[in-house]
Amino acid sequence: MFDLFQIFLRSARLLFAVGVGLTSGAALAADAAAKPAVSVELSKLVDLSNQQRDRMIAEHDALARQLRDATEEKRREIYEKMSEQKKAFEAAQSALHKRIREEQRAQRSLQRSR
């Protein structure tokens, strides 16, 4: 389960980076020069998403450390906590990504109307 969760976290990071439009540092610099400044709201949403991700990773690492020395019964409880955290994280990230997409659409419509 630990390996699957690590794969999930890596793929979530990658999907988030692609969904938000983040790639390499050079591509970001080129995009920044070519596009107008990103709205403050969008920046806040991206920062919030990153904070949620970092918090999830820290919580998962803490549970993984507990898992090493746990009895079989305690392991089941820890796996259950990990599963609940994963579901909560996915729901929070999904809602946040929807807000990010809405903000991006709003920005595009503002740019088209100019």
PDB file of N, CA and C in Angstrom:
ATOM      1  N   MET A   1       0.825  -1.185   0.000  1.00  0.00           N
ATOM      2  CA  MET A   1       0.000   0.000   0.000  1.00  0.00           C
ATOM      3  C   MET A   1       0.874   1.254   0.000  1.00  0.00           C
ATOM      4  N   PHE A   2       1.972   1.203   0.722  1.00  0.00           N
ATOM      5  CA  PHE A   2       2.866   2.361   0.790  1.00  0.00           C
ATOM      6  C   PHE A   2       3.367   2.725  -0.601  1.00  0.00           C
ATOM      7  N   ASP A   3       3.766   1.734  -1.379  1.00  0.00           N
ATOM      8  CA  ASP A   3       4.261   2.005  -2.721  1.00  0.00           C
ATOM      9  C   ASP A   3       3.177   2.609  -3.608  1.00  0.00           C
ATOM     10  N   LEU A   4       1.959   2.093  -3.491  1.00  0.00           N
ATOM     11  CA  LEU A   4       0.868   2.622  -4.289  1.00  0.00           C
ATOM     12  C   LEU A   4       0.582   4.075  -3.922  1.00  0.00           C
ATOM     13  N   PHE A   5       0.671   4.361  -2.647  1.00  0.00           N
ATOM     14  CA  PHE A   5       0.412   5.724  -2.222  1.00  0.00           C
ATOM     15  C   PHE A   5       1.497   6.668  -2.719  1.00  0.00           C
ATOM     16  N   GLN A   6       2.745   6.227  -2.705  1.00  0.00           N
ATOM     17  CA  GLN A   6       3.828   7.050  -3.219  1.00  0.00           C
ATOM     18  C   GLN A   6       3.621   7.318  -4.714  1.00  0.00           C
ATOM     19  N   ILE A   7       3.199   6.299  -5.438  1.00  0.00           N
ATOM     20  CA  ILE A   7       2.920   6.467  -6.865  1.00  0.00           C
ATOM     21  C   ILE A   7       1.785   7.459  -7.049  1.00  0.00           C
ATOM     22  N   PHE A   8       0.751   7.340  -6.197  1.00  0.00           N
ATOM     23  CA  PHE A   8      -0.367   8.275  -6.266  1.00  0.00           C
ATOM     24  C   PHE A   8       0.103   9.709  -6.055  1.00  0.00           C
ATOM     25  N   LEU A   9       0.917   9.931  -5.019  1.00  0.00           N
ATOM     26  CA  LEU A   9       1.399  11.281  -4.728  1.00  0.00           C
ATOM     27  C   LEU A   9       2.221  11.838  -5.880  1.00  0.00           C
ATOM     28  N   ARG A  10       3.087  11.006  -6.444  1.00  0.00           N
ATOM     29  CA  ARG A  10       3.902  11.471  -7.571  1.00  0.00           C
ATOM     30  C   ARG A  10       3.037  11.827  -8.771  1.00  0.00           C
ATOM     31  N   SER A  11       2.051  10.966  -9.057  1.00  0.00           N
ATOM     32  CA  SER A  11       1.189  11.245 -10.209  1.00  0.00           C
ATOM     33  C   SER A  11       0.313  12.464  -9.936  1.00  0.00           C
ATOM     34  N   ALA A  12      -0.120  12.651  -8.686  1.00  0.00           N
ATOM     35  CA  ALA A  12      -0.927  13.828  -8.348  1.00  0.00           C
ATOM     36  C   ALA A  12      -0.109  15.096  -8.537  1.00  0.00           C
ATOM     37  N   ARG A  13       1.152  15.065  -8.131  1.00  0.00           N
ATOM     38  CA  ARG A  13       2.019  16.231  -8.325  1.00  0.00           C
ATOM     39  C   ARG A  13       2.185  16.535  -9.806  1.00  0.00           C
ATOM     40  N   LEU A  14       2.407  15.495 -10.591  1.00  0.00           N
ATOM     41  CA  LEU A  14       2.600  15.681 -12.022  1.00  0.00           C
ATOM     42  C   LEU A  14       1.332  16.213 -12.681  1.00  0.00           C
ATOM     43  N   LEU A  15       0.184  15.611 -12.344  1.00  0.00           N
ATOM     44  CA  LEU A  15      -1.074  16.064 -12.922  1.00  0.00           C
ATOM     45  C   LEU A  15      -1.373  17.496 -12.517  1.00  0.00           C
ATOM     46  N   PHE A  16      -1.061  17.838 -11.268  1.00  0.00           N
ATOM     47  CA  PHE A  16      -1.291  19.201 -10.828  1.00  0.00           C
ATOM     48  C   PHE A  16      -0.410  20.165 -11.610  1.00  0.00           C
ATOM     49  N   ALA A  17       0.846  19.810 -11.762  1.00  0.00           N
ATOM     50  CA  ALA A  17       1.777  20.678 -12.489  1.00  0.00           C
ATOM     51  C   ALA A  17       1.321  20.877 -13.927  1.00  0.00           C
ATOM     52  N   VAL A  18       0.868  19.811 -14.549  1.00  0.00           N
ATOM     53  CA  VAL A  18       0.398  19.907 -15.932  1.00  0.00           C
ATOM     54  C   VAL A  18      -0.913  20.689 -15.980  1.00  0.00           C
ATOM     55  N   GLY A  19      -1.812  20.416 -15.037  1.00  0.00           N
ATOM     56  CA  GLY A  19      -3.110  21.090 -15.018  1.00  0.00           C
ATOM     57  C   GLY A  19      -2.999  22.582 -14.796  1.00  0.00           C
ATOM     58  N   VAL A  20      -2.082  22.995 -13.971  1.00  0.00           N
ATOM     59  CA  VAL A  20      -1.896  24.408 -13.695  1.00  0.00           C
ATOM     60  C   VAL A  20      -1.028  25.056 -14.762  1.00  0.00           C
ATOM     61  N   GLY A  21      -0.318  24.250 -15.512  1.00  0.00           N
ATOM     62  CA  GLY A  21       0.500  24.776 -16.585  1.00  0.00           C
ATOM     63  C   GLY A  21       1.940  24.977 -16.195  1.00  0.00           C
ATOM     64  N   LEU A  22       2.359  24.350 -15.114  1.00  0.00           N
ATOM     65  CA  LEU A  22       3.742  24.489 -14.674  1.00  0.00           C
ATOM     66  C   LEU A  22       4.584  23.410 -15.332  1.00  0.00           C
ATOM     67  N   THR A  23       5.720  23.800 -15.846  1.00  0.00           N
ATOM     68  CA  THR A  23       6.637  22.816 -16.424  1.00  0.00           C
ATOM     69  C   THR A  23       8.012  23.081 -15.865  1.00  0.00           C
ATOM     70  N   SER A  24       8.953  23.372 -16.682  1.00  0.00           N
ATOM     71  CA  SER A  24      10.313  23.633 -16.198  1.00  0.00           C
ATOM     72  C   SER A  24      10.481  25.117 -15.897  1.00  0.00           C
ATOM     73  N   GLY A  25      11.573  25.446 -15.238  1.00  0.00           N
ATOM     74  CA  GLY A  25      11.857  26.843 -14.914  1.00  0.00           C
ATOM     75  C   GLY A  25      12.004  27.701 -16.156  1.00  0.00           C
ATOM     76  N   ALA A  26      12.648  27.168 -17.193  1.00  0.00           N
ATOM     77  CA  ALA A  26      12.830  27.924 -18.430  1.00  0.00           C
ATOM     78  C   ALA A  26      11.484  28.186 -19.109  1.00  0.00           C
ATOM     79  N   ALA A  27      10.630  27.171 -19.088  1.00  0.00           N
ATOM     80  CA  ALA A  27       9.314  27.341 -19.707  1.00  0.00           C
ATOM     81  C   ALA A  27       8.491  28.354 -18.925  1.00  0.00           C
ATOM     82  N   LEU A  28       8.626  28.339 -17.603  1.00  0.00           N
ATOM     83  CA  LEU A  28       7.908  29.315 -16.790  1.00  0.00           C
ATOM     84  C   LEU A  28       8.376  30.733 -17.091  1.00  0.00           C
ATOM     85  N   ALA A  29       9.670  30.907 -17.236  1.00  0.00           N
ATOM     86  CA  ALA A  29      10.208  32.233 -17.540  1.00  0.00           C
ATOM     87  C   ALA A  29       9.717  32.709 -18.908  1.00  0.00           C
ATOM     88  N   ALA A  30       9.704  31.817 -19.885  1.00  0.00           N
ATOM     89  CA  ALA A  30       9.224  32.171 -21.220  1.00  0.00           C
ATOM     90  C   ALA A  30       7.742  32.515 -21.180  1.00  0.00           C
ATOM     91  N   ASP A  31       6.966  31.729 -20.423  1.00  0.00           N
ATOM     92  CA  ASP A  31       5.537  32.002 -20.302  1.00  0.00           C
ATOM     93  C   ASP A  31       5.293  33.333 -19.612  1.00  0.00           C
ATOM     94  N   ALA A  32       6.080  33.621 -18.586  1.00  0.00           N
ATOM     95  CA  ALA A  32       5.911  34.870 -17.847  1.00  0.00           C
ATOM     96  C   ALA A  32       6.170  36.068 -18.745  1.00  0.00           C
ATOM     97  N   ALA A  33       7.139  35.943 -19.635  1.00  0.00           N
ATOM     98  CA  ALA A  33       7.449  37.050 -20.536  1.00  0.00           C
ATOM     99  C   ALA A  33       6.375  37.209 -21.598  1.00  0.00           C
ATOM    100  N   ALA A  34       5.767  36.106 -22.010  1.00  0.00           N
ATOM    101  CA  ALA A  34       4.800  36.148 -23.094  1.00  0.00           C
ATOM    102  C   ALA A  34       3.387  36.477 -22.618  1.00  0.00           C
ATOM    103  N   LYS A  35       3.047  36.131 -21.390  1.00  0.00           N
ATOM    104  CA  LYS A  35       1.684  36.296 -20.902  1.00  0.00           C
ATOM    105  C   LYS A  35       1.618  37.421 -19.876  1.00  0.00           C
ATOM    106  N   PRO A  36       0.439  38.014 -19.743  1.00  0.00           N
ATOM    107  CA  PRO A  36       0.279  39.018 -18.700  1.00  0.00           C
ATOM    108  C   PRO A  36       0.351  38.373 -17.319  1.00  0.00           C
ATOM    109  N   ALA A  37       0.506  39.177 -16.313  1.00  0.00           N
ATOM    110  CA  ALA A  37       0.656  38.678 -14.942  1.00  0.00           C
ATOM    111  C   ALA A  37      -0.561  37.855 -14.523  1.00  0.00           C
ATOM    112  N   VAL A  38      -0.290  36.814 -13.779  1.00  0.00           N
ATOM    113  CA  VAL A  38      -1.344  35.946 -13.277  1.00  0.00           C
ATOM    114  C   VAL A  38      -2.073  36.684 -12.161  1.00  0.00           C
ATOM    115  N   SER A  39      -3.364  36.487 -12.086  1.00  0.00           N
ATOM    116  CA  SER A  39      -4.123  37.183 -11.061  1.00  0.00           C
ATOM    117  C   SER A  39      -3.698  36.745  -9.670  1.00  0.00           C
ATOM    118  N   VAL A  40      -3.929  37.612  -8.723  1.00  0.00           N
ATOM    119  CA  VAL A  40      -3.586  37.331  -7.333  1.00  0.00           C
ATOM    120  C   VAL A  40      -4.394  36.142  -6.832  1.00  0.00           C
ATOM    121  N   GLU A  41      -5.640  36.063  -7.231  1.00  0.00           N
ATOM    122  CA  GLU A  41      -6.502  34.969  -6.786  1.00  0.00           C
ATOM    123  C   GLU A  41      -5.970  33.628  -7.265  1.00  0.00           C
ATOM    124  N   LEU A  42      -5.551  33.559  -8.502  1.00  0.00           N
ATOM    125  CA  LEU A  42      -5.009  32.313  -9.036  1.00  0.00           C
ATOM    126  C   LEU A  42      -3.731  31.920  -8.304  1.00  0.00           C
ATOM    127  N   SER A  43      -2.887  32.887  -8.020  1.00  0.00           N
ATOM    128  CA  SER A  43      -1.655  32.609  -7.273  1.00  0.00           C
ATOM    129  C   SER A  43      -1.970  32.073  -5.879  1.00  0.00           C
ATOM    130  N   LYS A  44      -2.962  32.660  -5.238  1.00  0.00           N
ATOM    131  CA  LYS A  44      -3.359  32.196  -3.906  1.00  0.00           C
ATOM    132  C   LYS A  44      -3.876  30.761  -3.959  1.00  0.00           C
ATOM    133  N   LEU A  45      -4.657  30.447  -4.986  1.00  0.00           N
ATOM    134  CA  LEU A  45      -5.199  29.091  -5.119  1.00  0.00           C
ATOM    135  C   LEU A  45      -4.090  28.072  -5.335  1.00  0.00           C
ATOM    136  N   VAL A  46      -3.117  28.416  -6.154  1.00  0.00           N
ATOM    137  CA  VAL A  46      -1.994  27.514  -6.410  1.00  0.00           C
ATOM    138  C   VAL A  46      -1.184  27.318  -5.132  1.00  0.00           C
ATOM    139  N   ASP A  47      -0.952  28.410  -4.397  1.00  0.00           N
ATOM    140  CA  ASP A  47      -0.229  28.307  -3.125  1.00  0.00           C
ATOM    141  C   ASP A  47      -0.981  27.437  -2.128  1.00  0.00           C
ATOM    142  N   LEU A  48      -2.290  27.604  -2.069  1.00  0.00           N
ATOM    143  CA  LEU A  48      -3.108  26.795  -1.168  1.00  0.00           C
ATOM    144  C   LEU A  48      -3.020  25.321  -1.534  1.00  0.00           C
ATOM    145  N   SER A  49      -3.054  25.032  -2.815  1.00  0.00           N
ATOM    146  CA  SER A  49      -2.938  23.646  -3.271  1.00  0.00           C
ATOM    147  C   SER A  49      -1.588  23.064  -2.882  1.00  0.00           C
ATOM    148  N   ASN A  50      -0.533  23.840  -3.053  1.00  0.00           N
ATOM    149  CA  ASN A  50       0.800  23.373  -2.666  1.00  0.00           C
ATOM    150  C   ASN A  50       0.894  23.134  -1.169  1.00  0.00           C
ATOM    151  N   GLN A  51       0.268  24.000  -0.373  1.00  0.00           N
ATOM    152  CA  GLN A  51       0.271  23.823   1.072  1.00  0.00           C
ATOM    153  C   GLN A  51      -0.474  22.555   1.460  1.00  0.00           C
ATOM    154  N   GLN A  52      -1.614  22.305   0.822  1.00  0.00           N
ATOM    155  CA  GLN A  52      -2.369  21.075   1.106  1.00  0.00           C
ATOM    156  C   GLN A  52      -1.543  19.849   0.755  1.00  0.00           C
ATOM    157  N   ARG A  53      -0.873  19.892  -0.377  1.00  0.00           N
ATOM    158  CA  ARG A  53      -0.043  18.770  -0.793  1.00  0.00           C
ATOM    159  C   ARG A  53       1.087  18.524   0.207  1.00  0.00           C
ATOM    160  N   ASP A  54       1.762  19.588   0.613  1.00  0.00           N
ATOM    161  CA  ASP A  54       2.862  19.443   1.566  1.00  0.00           C
ATOM    162  C   ASP A  54       2.376  18.902   2.907  1.00  0.00           C
ATOM    163  N   ARG A  55       1.210  19.378   3.351  1.00  0.00           N
ATOM    164  CA  ARG A  55       0.634  18.889   4.607  1.00  0.00           C
ATOM    165  C   ARG A  55       0.290  17.403   4.497  1.00  0.00           C
ATOM    166  N   MET A  56      -0.264  17.005   3.366  1.00  0.00           N
ATOM    167  CA  MET A  56      -0.621  15.601   3.151  1.00  0.00           C
ATOM    168  C   MET A  56       0.622  14.726   3.177  1.00  0.00           C
ATOM    169  N   ILE A  57       1.676  15.157   2.539  1.00  0.00           N
ATOM    170  CA  ILE A  57       2.917  14.382   2.507  1.00  0.00           C
ATOM    171  C   ILE A  57       3.486  14.239   3.910  1.00  0.00           C
ATOM    172  N   ALA A  58       3.469  15.332   4.674  1.00  0.00           N
ATOM    173  CA  ALA A  58       4.000  15.285   6.049  1.00  0.00           C
ATOM    174  C   ALA A  58       3.179  14.326   6.917  1.00  0.00           C
ATOM    175  N   GLU A  59       1.869  14.390   6.792  1.00  0.00           N
ATOM    176  CA  GLU A  59       1.010  13.493   7.575  1.00  0.00           C
ATOM    177  C   GLU A  59       1.229  12.040   7.165  1.00  0.00           C
ATOM    178  N   HIS A  60       1.370  11.824   5.879  1.00  0.00           N
ATOM    179  CA  HIS A  60       1.594  10.461   5.401  1.00  0.00           C
ATOM    180  C   HIS A  60       2.931   9.925   5.906  1.00  0.00           C
ATOM    181  N   ASP A  61       3.956  10.746   5.869  1.00  0.00           N
ATOM    182  CA  ASP A  61       5.270  10.315   6.363  1.00  0.00           C
ATOM    183  C   ASP A  61       5.221   9.979   7.846  1.00  0.00           C
ATOM    184  N   ALA A  62       4.480  10.763   8.619  1.00  0.00           N
ATOM    185  CA  ALA A  62       4.346  10.488  10.053  1.00  0.00           C
ATOM    186  C   ALA A  62       3.658   9.146  10.275  1.00  0.00           C
ATOM    187  N   LEU A  63       2.610   8.880   9.515  1.00  0.00           N
ATOM    188  CA  LEU A  63       1.924   7.592   9.645  1.00  0.00           C
ATOM    189  C   LEU A  63       2.809   6.445   9.169  1.00  0.00           C
ATOM    190  N   ALA A  64       3.593   6.676   8.143  1.00  0.00           N
ATOM    191  CA  ALA A  64       4.490   5.625   7.641  1.00  0.00           C
ATOM    192  C   ALA A  64       5.543   5.278   8.697  1.00  0.00           C
ATOM    193  N   ARG A  65       6.027   6.281   9.424  1.00  0.00           N
ATOM    194  CA  ARG A  65       6.984   6.002  10.504  1.00  0.00           C
ATOM    195  C   ARG A  65       6.330   5.185  11.613  1.00  0.00           C
ATOM    196  N   GLN A  66       5.083   5.502  11.940  1.00  0.00           N
ATOM    197  CA  GLN A  66       4.355   4.740  12.953  1.00  0.00           C
ATOM    198  C   GLN A  66       4.118   3.308  12.491  1.00  0.00           C
ATOM    199  N   LEU A  67       3.945   3.148  11.218  1.00  0.00           N
ATOM    200  CA  LEU A  67       3.638   1.837  10.645  1.00  0.00           C
ATOM    201  C   LEU A  67       4.788   0.859  10.815  1.00  0.00           C
ATOM    202  N   ARG A  68       5.993   1.341  10.811  1.00  0.00           N
ATOM    203  CA  ARG A  68       7.166   0.463  10.899  1.00  0.00           C
ATOM    204  C   ARG A  68       7.189  -0.364  12.176  1.00  0.00           C
ATOM    205  N   ASP A  69       6.810   0.257  13.292  1.00  0.00           N
ATOM    206  CA  ASP A  69       6.900  -0.425  14.587  1.00  0.00           C
ATOM    207  C   ASP A  69       5.554  -0.885  15.109  1.00  0.00           C
ATOM    208  N   ALA A  70       4.525  -0.846  14.311  1.00  0.00           N
ATOM    209  CA  ALA A  70       3.171  -1.136  14.771  1.00  0.00           C
ATOM    210  C   ALA A  70       2.867  -2.634  14.759  1.00  0.00           C
ATOM    211  N   THR A  71       1.948  -3.007  15.637  1.00  0.00           N
ATOM    212  CA  THR A  71       1.433  -4.378  15.647  1.00  0.00           C
ATOM    213  C   THR A  71       0.453  -4.518  14.485  1.00  0.00           C
ATOM    214  N   GLU A  72       0.005  -5.728  14.256  1.00  0.00           N
ATOM    215  CA  GLU A  72      -0.907  -5.990  13.134  1.00  0.00           C
ATOM    216  C   GLU A  72      -2.211  -5.205  13.282  1.00  0.00           C
ATOM    217  N   GLU A  73      -2.744  -5.148  14.485  1.00  0.00           N
ATOM    218  CA  GLU A  73      -3.992  -4.410  14.711  1.00  0.00           C
ATOM    219  C   GLU A  73      -3.788  -2.912  14.492  1.00  0.00           C
ATOM    220  N   LYS A  74      -2.686  -2.413  15.005  1.00  0.00           N
ATOM    221  CA  LYS A  74      -2.379  -0.995  14.843  1.00  0.00           C
ATOM    222  C   LYS A  74      -2.120  -0.659  13.369  1.00  0.00           C
ATOM    223  N   ARG A  75      -1.519  -1.599  12.634  1.00  0.00           N
ATOM    224  CA  ARG A  75      -1.279  -1.388  11.198  1.00  0.00           C
ATOM    225  C   ARG A  75      -2.592  -1.170  10.455  1.00  0.00           C
ATOM    226  N   ARG A  76      -3.595  -1.979  10.805  1.00  0.00           N
ATOM    227  CA  ARG A  76      -4.897  -1.816  10.144  1.00  0.00           C
ATOM    228  C   ARG A  76      -5.455  -0.414  10.394  1.00  0.00           C
ATOM    229  N   GLU A  77      -5.322   0.060  11.636  1.00  0.00           N
ATOM    230  CA  GLU A  77      -5.804   1.393  11.968  1.00  0.00           C
ATOM    231  C   GLU A  77      -5.042   2.456  11.178  1.00  0.00           C
ATOM    232  N   ILE A  78      -3.744   2.285  11.073  1.00  0.00           N
ATOM    233  CA  ILE A  78      -2.918   3.256  10.346  1.00  0.00           C
ATOM    234  C   ILE A  78      -3.264   3.242   8.862  1.00  0.00           C
ATOM    235  N   TYR A  79      -3.442   2.059   8.293  1.00  0.00           N
ATOM    236  CA  TYR A  79      -3.833   1.977   6.879  1.00  0.00           C
ATOM    237  C   TYR A  79      -5.185   2.651   6.660  1.00  0.00           C
ATOM    238  N   GLU A  80      -6.083   2.475   7.614  1.00  0.00           N
ATOM    239  CA  GLU A  80      -7.391   3.100   7.503  1.00  0.00           C
ATOM    240  C   GLU A  80      -7.260   4.627   7.555  1.00  0.00           C
ATOM    241  N   LYS A  81      -6.416   5.131   8.467  1.00  0.00           N
ATOM    242  CA  LYS A  81      -6.177   6.576   8.543  1.00  0.00           C
ATOM    243  C   LYS A  81      -5.577   7.082   7.236  1.00  0.00           C
ATOM    244  N   MET A  82      -4.632   6.322   6.679  1.00  0.00           N
ATOM    245  CA  MET A  82      -4.003   6.724   5.410  1.00  0.00           C
ATOM    246  C   MET A  82      -5.045   6.810   4.302  1.00  0.00           C
ATOM    247  N   SER A  83      -5.926   5.830   4.280  1.00  0.00           N
ATOM    248  CA  SER A  83      -6.966   5.809   3.259  1.00  0.00           C
ATOM    249  C   SER A  83      -7.906   7.004   3.416  1.00  0.00           C
ATOM    250  N   GLU A  84      -8.294   7.299   4.656  1.00  0.00           N
ATOM    251  CA  GLU A  84      -9.175   8.441   4.903  1.00  0.00           C
ATOM    252  C   GLU A  84      -8.487   9.750   4.514  1.00  0.00           C
ATOM    253  N   GLN A  85      -7.208   9.875   4.854  1.00  0.00           N
ATOM    254  CA  GLN A  85      -6.465  11.077   4.496  1.00  0.00           C
ATOM    255  C   GLN A  85      -6.367  11.230   2.983  1.00  0.00           C
ATOM    256  N   LYS A  86      -6.145  10.126   2.309  1.00  0.00           N
ATOM    257  CA  LYS A  86      -6.036  10.163   0.851  1.00  0.00           C
ATOM    258  C   LYS A  86      -7.347  10.640   0.229  1.00  0.00           C
ATOM    259  N   LYS A  87      -8.478  10.104   0.723  1.00  0.00           N
ATOM    260  CA  LYS A  87      -9.776  10.509   0.189  1.00  0.00           C
ATOM    261  C   LYS A  87     -10.052  11.980   0.460  1.00  0.00           C
ATOM    262  N   ALA A  88      -9.726  12.434   1.665  1.00  0.00           N
ATOM    263  CA  ALA A  88      -9.937  13.842   2.003  1.00  0.00           C
ATOM    264  C   ALA A  88      -9.054  14.739   1.140  1.00  0.00           C
ATOM    265  N   PHE A  89      -7.820  14.329   0.930  1.00  0.00           N
ATOM    266  CA  PHE A  89      -6.888  15.090   0.099  1.00  0.00           C
ATOM    267  C   PHE A  89      -7.399  15.165  -1.339  1.00  0.00           C
ATOM    268  N   GLU A  90      -7.840  14.046  -1.870  1.00  0.00           N
ATOM    269  CA  GLU A  90      -8.351  14.027  -3.244  1.00  0.00           C
ATOM    270  C   GLU A  90      -9.558  14.946  -3.390  1.00  0.00           C
ATOM    271  N   ALA A  91     -10.458  14.925  -2.411  1.00  0.00           N
ATOM    272  CA  ALA A  91     -11.647  15.777  -2.473  1.00  0.00           C
ATOM    273  C   ALA A  91     -11.259  17.255  -2.397  1.00  0.00           C
ATOM    274  N   ALA A  92     -10.353  17.584  -1.487  1.00  0.00           N
ATOM    275  CA  ALA A  92      -9.929  18.974  -1.343  1.00  0.00           C
ATOM    276  C   ALA A  92      -9.206  19.454  -2.593  1.00  0.00           C
ATOM    277  N   GLN A  93      -8.328  18.630  -3.135  1.00  0.00           N
ATOM    278  CA  GLN A  93      -7.600  19.007  -4.347  1.00  0.00           C
ATOM    279  C   GLN A  93      -8.535  19.137  -5.539  1.00  0.00           C
ATOM    280  N   SER A  94      -9.511  18.262  -5.634  1.00  0.00           N
ATOM    281  CA  SER A  94     -10.473  18.333  -6.728  1.00  0.00           C
ATOM    282  C   SER A  94     -11.243  19.655  -6.686  1.00  0.00           C
ATOM    283  N   ALA A  95     -11.703  20.023  -5.500  1.00  0.00           N
ATOM    284  CA  ALA A  95     -12.436  21.279  -5.360  1.00  0.00           C
ATOM    285  C   ALA A  95     -11.535  22.470  -5.678  1.00  0.00           C
ATOM    286  N   LEU A  96     -10.317  22.409  -5.219  1.00  0.00           N
ATOM    287  CA  LEU A  96      -9.378  23.496  -5.467  1.00  0.00           C
ATOM    288  C   LEU A  96      -9.031  23.599  -6.955  1.00  0.00           C
ATOM    289  N   HIS A  97      -8.856  22.477  -7.607  1.00  0.00           N
ATOM    290  CA  HIS A  97      -8.548  22.493  -9.050  1.00  0.00           C
ATOM    291  C   HIS A  97      -9.725  23.057  -9.849  1.00  0.00           C
ATOM    292  N   LYS A  98     -10.947  22.778  -9.400  1.00  0.00           N
ATOM    293  CA  LYS A  98     -12.112  23.356 -10.072  1.00  0.00           C
ATOM    294  C   LYS A  98     -12.092  24.868  -9.943  1.00  0.00           C
ATOM    295  N   ARG A  99     -11.757  25.357  -8.747  1.00  0.00           N
ATOM    296  CA  ARG A  99     -11.676  26.806  -8.547  1.00  0.00           C
ATOM    297  C   ARG A  99     -10.572  27.411  -9.401  1.00  0.00           C
ATOM    298  N   ILE A 100      -9.445  26.702  -9.527  1.00  0.00           N
ATOM    299  CA  ILE A 100      -8.349  27.193 -10.358  1.00  0.00           C
ATOM    300  C   ILE A 100      -8.788  27.271 -11.817  1.00  0.00           C
ATOM    301  N   ARG A 101      -9.451  26.233 -12.299  1.00  0.00           N
ATOM    302  CA  ARG A 101      -9.920  26.245 -13.695  1.00  0.00           C
ATOM    303  C   ARG A 101     -10.923  27.374 -13.929  1.00  0.00           C
ATOM    304  N   GLU A 102     -11.817  27.588 -12.946  1.00  0.00           N
ATOM    305  CA  GLU A 102     -12.780  28.681 -13.086  1.00  0.00           C
ATOM    306  C   GLU A 102     -12.065  30.031 -13.154  1.00  0.00           C
ATOM    307  N   GLU A 103     -11.059  30.206 -12.325  1.00  0.00           N
ATOM    308  CA  GLU A 103     -10.295  31.452 -12.331  1.00  0.00           C
ATOM    309  C   GLU A 103      -9.559  31.623 -13.660  1.00  0.00           C
ATOM    310  N   GLN A 104      -9.008  30.527 -14.195  1.00  0.00           N
ATOM    311  CA  GLN A 104      -8.325  30.605 -15.486  1.00  0.00           C
ATOM    312  C   GLN A 104      -9.309  30.973 -16.596  1.00  0.00           C
ATOM    313  N   ARG A 105     -10.501  30.406 -16.549  1.00  0.00           N
ATOM    314  CA  ARG A 105     -11.515  30.753 -17.547  1.00  0.00           C
ATOM    315  C   ARG A 105     -11.893  32.226 -17.445  1.00  0.00           C
ATOM    316  N   ALA A 106     -12.038  32.701 -16.224  1.00  0.00           N
ATOM    317  CA  ALA A 106     -12.383  34.107 -16.024  1.00  0.00           C
ATOM    318  C   ALA A 106     -11.288  35.017 -16.584  1.00  0.00           C
ATOM    319  N   GLN A 107     -10.046  34.650 -16.349  1.00  0.00           N
ATOM    320  CA  GLN A 107      -8.941  35.452 -16.879  1.00  0.00           C
ATOM    321  C   GLN A 107      -8.935  35.447 -18.408  1.00  0.00           C
ATOM    322  N   ARG A 108      -9.166  34.274 -19.000  1.00  0.00           N
ATOM    323  CA  ARG A 108      -9.198  34.208 -20.467  1.00  0.00           C
ATOM    324  C   ARG A 108     -10.322  35.062 -21.035  1.00  0.00           C
ATOM    325  N   SER A 109     -11.486  35.023 -20.384  1.00  0.00           N
ATOM    326  CA  SER A 109     -12.603  35.819 -20.894  1.00  0.00           C
ATOM    327  C   SER A 109     -12.310  37.314 -20.744  1.00  0.00           C
ATOM    328  N   LEU A 110     -11.607  37.708 -19.691  1.00  0.00           N
ATOM    329  CA  LEU A 110     -11.218  39.107 -19.537  1.00  0.00           C
ATOM    330  C   LEU A 110     -10.238  39.517 -20.630  1.00  0.00           C
ATOM    331  N   GLN A 111      -9.304  38.642 -20.959  1.00  0.00           N
ATOM    332  CA  GLN A 111      -8.329  38.951 -22.001  1.00  0.00           C
ATOM    333  C   GLN A 111      -8.985  39.055 -23.359  1.00  0.00           C
ATOM    334  N   ARG A 112      -9.977  38.213 -23.607  1.00  0.00           N
ATOM    335  CA  ARG A 112     -10.669  38.258 -24.915  1.00  0.00           C
ATOM    336  C   ARG A 112     -11.519  39.514 -25.056  1.00  0.00           C
ATOM    337  N   SER A 113     -12.050  39.986 -23.945  1.00  0.00           N
ATOM    338  CA  SER A 113     -12.928  41.155 -24.011  1.00  0.00           C
ATOM    339  C   SER A 113     -12.156  42.454 -24.179  1.00  0.00           C
ATOM    340  N   ARG A 114     -10.871  42.431 -23.997  1.00  0.00           N
ATOM    341  CA  ARG A 114     -10.055  43.656 -24.135  1.00  0.00           C
ATOM    342  C   ARG A 114      -9.800  43.987 -25.554  1.00  0.00           C
TER     343      ARG A 114
END
